[in-house]
C-alpha atoms as a PDB file:
ATOM      1  CA  MET A   1      47.175 -54.839 -22.553  1.00  0.00           C
ATOM      2  CA  GLU A   2      47.864 -51.713 -24.025  1.00  0.00           C
ATOM      3  CA  GLY A   3      45.412 -49.516 -22.910  1.00  0.00           C
ATOM      4  CA  SER A   4      44.543 -50.869 -19.295  1.00  0.00           C
ATOM      5  CA  ARG A   5      46.179 -49.698 -16.018  1.00  0.00           C
ATOM      6  CA  LEU A   6      47.733 -51.579 -13.466  1.00  0.00           C
ATOM      7  CA  VAL A   7      46.553 -49.215 -10.601  1.00  0.00           C
ATOM      8  CA  PRO A   8      42.988 -47.913 -10.520  1.00  0.00           C
ATOM      9  CA  PRO A   9      42.328 -44.265 -11.011  1.00  0.00           C
ATOM     10  CA  LYS A  10      41.461 -42.817  -7.479  1.00  0.00           C
ATOM     11  CA  ASP A  11      37.785 -42.566  -7.896  1.00  0.00           C
ATOM     12  CA  ALA A  12      37.136 -46.258  -8.123  1.00  0.00           C
ATOM     13  CA  ILE A  13      38.736 -46.743  -5.040  1.00  0.00           C
ATOM     14  CA  THR A  14      37.237 -44.526  -3.381  1.00  0.00           C
ATOM     15  CA  GLY A  15      33.924 -44.344  -4.606  1.00  0.00           C
ATOM     16  CA  GLY A  16      34.151 -40.569  -5.325  1.00  0.00           C
ATOM     17  CA  PHE A  17      34.185 -39.658  -1.457  1.00  0.00           C
ATOM     18  CA  SER A  18      37.129 -38.282  -1.380  1.00  0.00           C
ATOM     19  CA  ASP A  19      36.510 -33.976  -2.207  1.00  0.00           C
ATOM     20  CA  GLY A  20      33.880 -34.615   0.699  1.00  0.00           C
ATOM     21  CA  ALA A  21      36.065 -36.171   2.849  1.00  0.00           C
ATOM     22  CA  ASP A  22      38.919 -33.808   2.479  1.00  0.00           C
ATOM     23  CA  PHE A  23      36.559 -30.945   2.909  1.00  0.00           C
ATOM     24  CA  ILE A  24      35.262 -32.045   6.157  1.00  0.00           C
ATOM     25  CA  SER A  25      39.361 -33.223   7.024  1.00  0.00           C
ATOM     26  CA  TYR A  26      40.575 -29.350   6.697  1.00  0.00           C
ATOM     27  CA  ILE A  27      37.551 -28.325   8.838  1.00  0.00           C
ATOM     28  CA  VAL A  28      37.724 -31.098  11.835  1.00  0.00           C
ATOM     29  CA  SER A  29      42.121 -29.835  11.733  1.00  0.00           C
ATOM     30  CA  GLY A  30      41.594 -26.816  12.128  1.00  0.00           C
ATOM     31  CA  LEU A  31      38.819 -27.092  15.155  1.00  0.00           C
ATOM     32  CA  LEU A  32      41.417 -29.993  16.665  1.00  0.00           C
ATOM     33  CA  ILE A  33      44.368 -27.414  16.300  1.00  0.00           C
ATOM     34  CA  GLY A  34      42.329 -23.749  17.827  1.00  0.00           C
ATOM     35  CA  LEU A  35      41.054 -26.399  20.786  1.00  0.00           C
ATOM     36  CA  VAL A  36      44.987 -27.537  21.399  1.00  0.00           C
ATOM     37  CA  LEU A  37      46.373 -23.731  20.855  1.00  0.00           C
ATOM     38  CA  ASP A  38      43.656 -22.440  23.142  1.00  0.00           C
ATOM     39  CA  TRP A  39      44.186 -25.078  25.771  1.00  0.00           C
ATOM     40  CA  VAL A  40      48.135 -24.247  25.522  1.00  0.00           C
ATOM     41  CA  PHE A  41      47.965 -20.841  25.578  1.00  0.00           C
ATOM     42  CA  GLY A  42      44.387 -20.139  27.639  1.00  0.00           C
ATOM     43  CA  THR A  43      42.745 -17.808  24.617  1.00  0.00           C
ATOM     44  CA  ALA A  44      39.470 -19.692  25.250  1.00  0.00           C
ATOM     45  CA  PRO A  45      37.276 -19.249  22.104  1.00  0.00           C
ATOM     46  CA  ILE A  46      39.823 -17.601  20.050  1.00  0.00           C
ATOM     47  CA  MET A  47      41.531 -19.922  18.550  1.00  0.00           C
ATOM     48  CA  THR A  48      39.291 -21.965  17.855  1.00  0.00           C
ATOM     49  CA  ILE A  49      37.495 -19.746  15.915  1.00  0.00           C
ATOM     50  CA  LEU A  50      40.410 -18.510  14.179  1.00  0.00           C
ATOM     51  CA  TRP A  51      41.572 -22.215  12.952  1.00  0.00           C
ATOM     52  CA  LEU A  52      38.365 -23.241  12.238  1.00  0.00           C
ATOM     53  CA  LEU A  53      37.647 -19.951   9.562  1.00  0.00           C
ATOM     54  CA  ALA A  54      40.895 -21.086   8.646  1.00  0.00           C
ATOM     55  CA  GLY A  55      40.367 -24.460   8.131  1.00  0.00           C
ATOM     56  CA  PHE A  56      36.760 -23.480   6.288  1.00  0.00           C
ATOM     57  CA  GLY A  57      38.605 -21.257   4.090  1.00  0.00           C
ATOM     58  CA  VAL A  58      41.329 -23.947   2.679  1.00  0.00           C
ATOM     59  CA  GLY A  59      39.028 -26.680   2.392  1.00  0.00           C
ATOM     60  CA  PHE A  60      36.317 -24.039   0.070  1.00  0.00           C
ATOM     61  CA  TYR A  61      39.907 -23.140  -1.729  1.00  0.00           C
ATOM     62  CA  ARG A  62      40.882 -26.691  -2.400  1.00  0.00           C
ATOM     63  CA  MET A  63      36.933 -27.552  -3.574  1.00  0.00           C
ATOM     64  CA  TRP A  64      37.614 -24.273  -6.006  1.00  0.00           C
ATOM     65  CA  ARG A  65      40.558 -25.817  -7.277  1.00  0.00           C
ATOM     66  CA  ARG A  66      39.379 -29.306  -7.265  1.00  0.00           C
ATOM     67  CA  SER A  67      36.256 -28.035  -9.653  1.00  0.00           C
ATOM     68  CA  GLU A  68      38.790 -25.623 -11.963  1.00  0.00           C
ATOM     69  CA  HIS A  69      40.493 -29.164 -12.711  1.00  0.00           C
ATOM     70  CA  LEU A  70      37.708 -30.818 -13.611  1.00  0.00           C
ATOM     71  CA  ASP A  71      36.280 -28.148 -15.572  1.00  0.00           C
ATOM     72  CA  GLN A  72      38.949 -28.229 -17.355  1.00  0.00           C
ATOM     73  CA  GLU A  73      39.141 -31.876 -17.912  1.00  0.00           C
ATOM     74  CA  GLY A  74      35.260 -31.291 -19.073  1.00  0.00           C
ATOM     75  CA  ARG A  75      35.814 -29.346 -21.890  1.00  0.00           C
ATOM     76  CA  GLU A  76      39.246 -31.683 -23.048  1.00  0.00           C
ATOM     77  CA  ARG A  77      36.901 -34.192 -23.196  1.00  0.00           C
ATOM     78  CA  SER A  78      34.082 -32.173 -25.247  1.00  0.00           C
ATOM     79  CA  HIS A  79      36.431 -31.345 -27.986  1.00  0.00           C
ATOM     80  CA  GLY A  80      37.946 -34.179 -28.358  1.00  0.00           C
ATOM     81  CA  VAL A  81      34.805 -36.123 -29.276  1.00  0.00           C
END
């Protein structure tokens, strides 16, 4: 019972699709925020484009940070063998 976990790891629950879903959610969130702001302020495509680009930027940044974490985790595992 010493090595067992009460809560399964995140990948066991999501099947590893969580990172891609996060990336898409940032893009869709940026798109929706931009559309709403364009509707409120009447600035046609400007806010949509800006917020969509911001969503892409945040999505890529988060994926980059996640890949650094995975790279570090891989190095720790390979040196521990």
